[in-house]
């Protein structure tokens, strides 16, 4: 069974005073070492890319809503990905998702419109405010 790592707004690392910024490089190294991870939620974190997490080949669900991401560079490192939430990011090109054969659902927000979609995509796009 895969683990679940939740890093919501206000998450603190051990030894970090409340309200200080998360040490992203440390957390990414720690998370990237969890090779059997199946679900990862990184909401409103200072994350601009998922490339450092590409060893998580068992990842089935990824939520990076509100992160600083502008593109999907490194997304092909998640061949088992089924659910992706990229709400409130700066991502507008969804064509890299064609490299994910198991992808079923992508959640995006209206602030991301217009989106560049793959015309042959077999996943569902859920649009939220």
Protein backbone atom coordinates (compact mmCIF):
# COMPACT_ATOMS: atom_id res chain seq x y z
CA UNK A 1 0.00 0.00 0.00
CA UNK A 2 1.37 3.40 -0.95
CA UNK A 3 1.83 6.22 1.47
CA UNK A 4 0.07 9.56 1.42
CA UNK A 5 2.02 12.77 1.97
CA UNK A 6 -0.01 15.89 2.63
CA UNK A 7 1.70 19.28 2.61
CA UNK A 8 -1.16 21.77 2.98
CA UNK A 9 -0.87 25.49 3.62
CA UNK A 10 0.93 25.98 6.89
CA UNK A 11 2.67 22.60 6.94
CA UNK A 12 5.76 22.74 9.10
CA UNK A 13 8.95 20.74 8.79
CA UNK A 14 10.47 19.40 11.98
CA UNK A 15 12.33 22.29 13.58
CA UNK A 16 10.77 25.00 11.41
CA UNK A 17 9.06 27.78 13.38
CA UNK A 18 5.38 28.26 12.59
CA UNK A 19 4.79 30.53 9.62
CA UNK A 20 8.23 30.14 8.06
CA UNK A 21 8.50 29.01 4.46
CA UNK A 22 8.89 25.32 3.79
CA UNK A 23 12.38 24.25 2.77
CA UNK A 24 11.31 22.93 -0.65
CA UNK A 25 14.58 21.25 -1.63
CA UNK A 26 14.58 19.22 1.60
CA UNK A 27 10.97 18.15 1.21
CA UNK A 28 11.38 17.20 -2.43
CA UNK A 29 14.38 15.02 -1.63
CA UNK A 30 12.47 13.33 1.17
CA UNK A 31 9.35 12.85 -0.95
CA UNK A 32 11.34 11.66 -3.98
CA UNK A 33 12.84 8.90 -1.85
CA UNK A 34 9.37 7.41 -1.20
CA UNK A 35 9.42 5.23 -4.30
CA UNK A 36 6.14 3.41 -3.54
CA UNK A 37 4.18 6.62 -3.04
CA UNK A 38 0.77 6.46 -4.77
CA UNK A 39 -0.83 9.78 -3.79
CA UNK A 40 0.87 13.14 -3.34
CA UNK A 41 -0.84 16.41 -2.40
CA UNK A 42 1.25 19.60 -2.59
CA UNK A 43 -1.21 22.47 -2.30
CA UNK A 44 0.03 26.06 -2.64
CA UNK A 45 3.66 25.10 -2.22
CA UNK A 46 6.63 26.91 -3.83
CA UNK A 47 6.93 24.13 -6.40
CA UNK A 48 7.70 25.14 -9.99
CA UNK A 49 8.36 21.71 -11.49
CA UNK A 50 7.82 18.01 -10.81
CA UNK A 51 11.06 16.92 -12.47
CA UNK A 52 12.77 16.19 -9.12
CA UNK A 53 9.92 13.80 -8.29
CA UNK A 54 10.16 11.73 -11.48
CA UNK A 55 11.36 8.61 -9.62
CA UNK A 56 7.85 8.21 -8.19
CA UNK A 57 6.77 5.74 -10.88
CA UNK A 58 3.98 4.30 -8.68
CA UNK A 59 2.29 7.69 -8.27
CA UNK A 60 -1.40 7.40 -9.21
CA UNK A 61 -2.72 10.74 -7.93
CA UNK A 62 -0.97 14.12 -7.92
CA UNK A 63 -2.40 17.41 -6.68
CA UNK A 64 -0.24 20.49 -7.29
CA UNK A 65 -3.05 23.03 -7.20
CA UNK A 66 -1.90 26.53 -6.42
CA UNK A 67 1.77 25.75 -7.00
CA UNK A 68 4.02 28.01 -9.07
CA UNK A 69 4.12 25.63 -12.03
CA UNK A 70 4.05 27.09 -15.53
CA UNK A 71 4.43 23.86 -17.50
CA UNK A 72 4.25 20.08 -17.17
CA UNK A 73 7.96 19.40 -17.60
CA UNK A 74 8.78 16.04 -16.01
CA UNK A 75 5.19 14.76 -15.99
CA UNK A 76 6.18 11.78 -18.17
CA UNK A 77 8.03 10.41 -15.12
CA UNK A 78 4.69 9.27 -13.68
CA UNK A 79 3.54 6.41 -15.97
CA UNK A 80 0.94 5.18 -13.43
CA UNK A 81 -0.70 8.61 -12.98
CA UNK A 82 -4.51 8.46 -13.15
CA UNK A 83 -5.62 11.68 -11.46
CA UNK A 84 -3.98 15.09 -11.80
CA UNK A 85 -5.10 18.34 -10.19
CA UNK A 86 -3.40 21.48 -11.55
CA UNK A 87 -5.99 24.07 -10.47
CA UNK A 88 -4.75 27.62 -9.98
CA UNK A 89 -1.39 27.10 -11.66
CA UNK A 90 0.02 28.92 -14.69
CA UNK A 91 -0.08 25.76 -16.85
CA UNK A 92 -1.88 26.25 -20.16
CA UNK A 93 -0.42 23.48 -22.36
CA UNK A 94 -1.82 20.05 -21.56
CA UNK A 95 -0.29 18.28 -24.57
CA UNK A 96 2.52 16.69 -22.46
CA UNK A 97 -0.20 14.62 -20.78
CA UNK A 98 -0.37 12.41 -23.88
CA UNK A 99 2.65 10.58 -22.44
CA UNK A 100 0.48 9.28 -19.56
CA UNK A 101 -1.42 6.21 -20.78
CA UNK A 102 -3.36 5.63 -17.53
CA UNK A 103 -4.51 9.23 -17.00
CA UNK A 104 -8.28 9.42 -16.41
CA UNK A 105 -8.96 12.86 -14.91
CA UNK A 106 -7.33 16.30 -15.01
CA UNK A 107 -8.77 19.12 -12.89
CA UNK A 108 -8.07 22.68 -14.06
CA UNK A 109 -9.47 26.09 -13.12
CA UNK A 110 -11.13 28.79 -15.20
CA UNK A 111 -8.21 31.16 -14.54
CA UNK A 112 -6.07 28.84 -16.69
CA UNK A 113 -8.14 29.37 -19.85
CA UNK A 114 -7.50 29.11 -22.73
CA UNK A 115 -5.95 25.65 -22.57
CA UNK A 116 -4.01 23.86 -25.25
CA UNK A 117 -5.39 20.32 -25.33
CA UNK A 118 -4.34 17.17 -27.13
CA UNK A 119 -7.11 16.47 -29.66
CA UNK A 120 -6.74 12.71 -29.15
CA UNK A 121 -6.79 12.85 -25.35
CA UNK A 122 -8.72 10.09 -23.64
CA UNK A 123 -8.85 11.69 -20.21
CA UNK A 124 -11.63 13.82 -18.73
CA UNK A 125 -10.96 17.51 -18.06
CA UNK A 126 -12.82 18.91 -15.06
CA UNK A 127 -13.13 22.71 -15.05
CA UNK A 128 -13.64 24.47 -11.69
CA UNK A 129 -13.80 28.14 -10.71
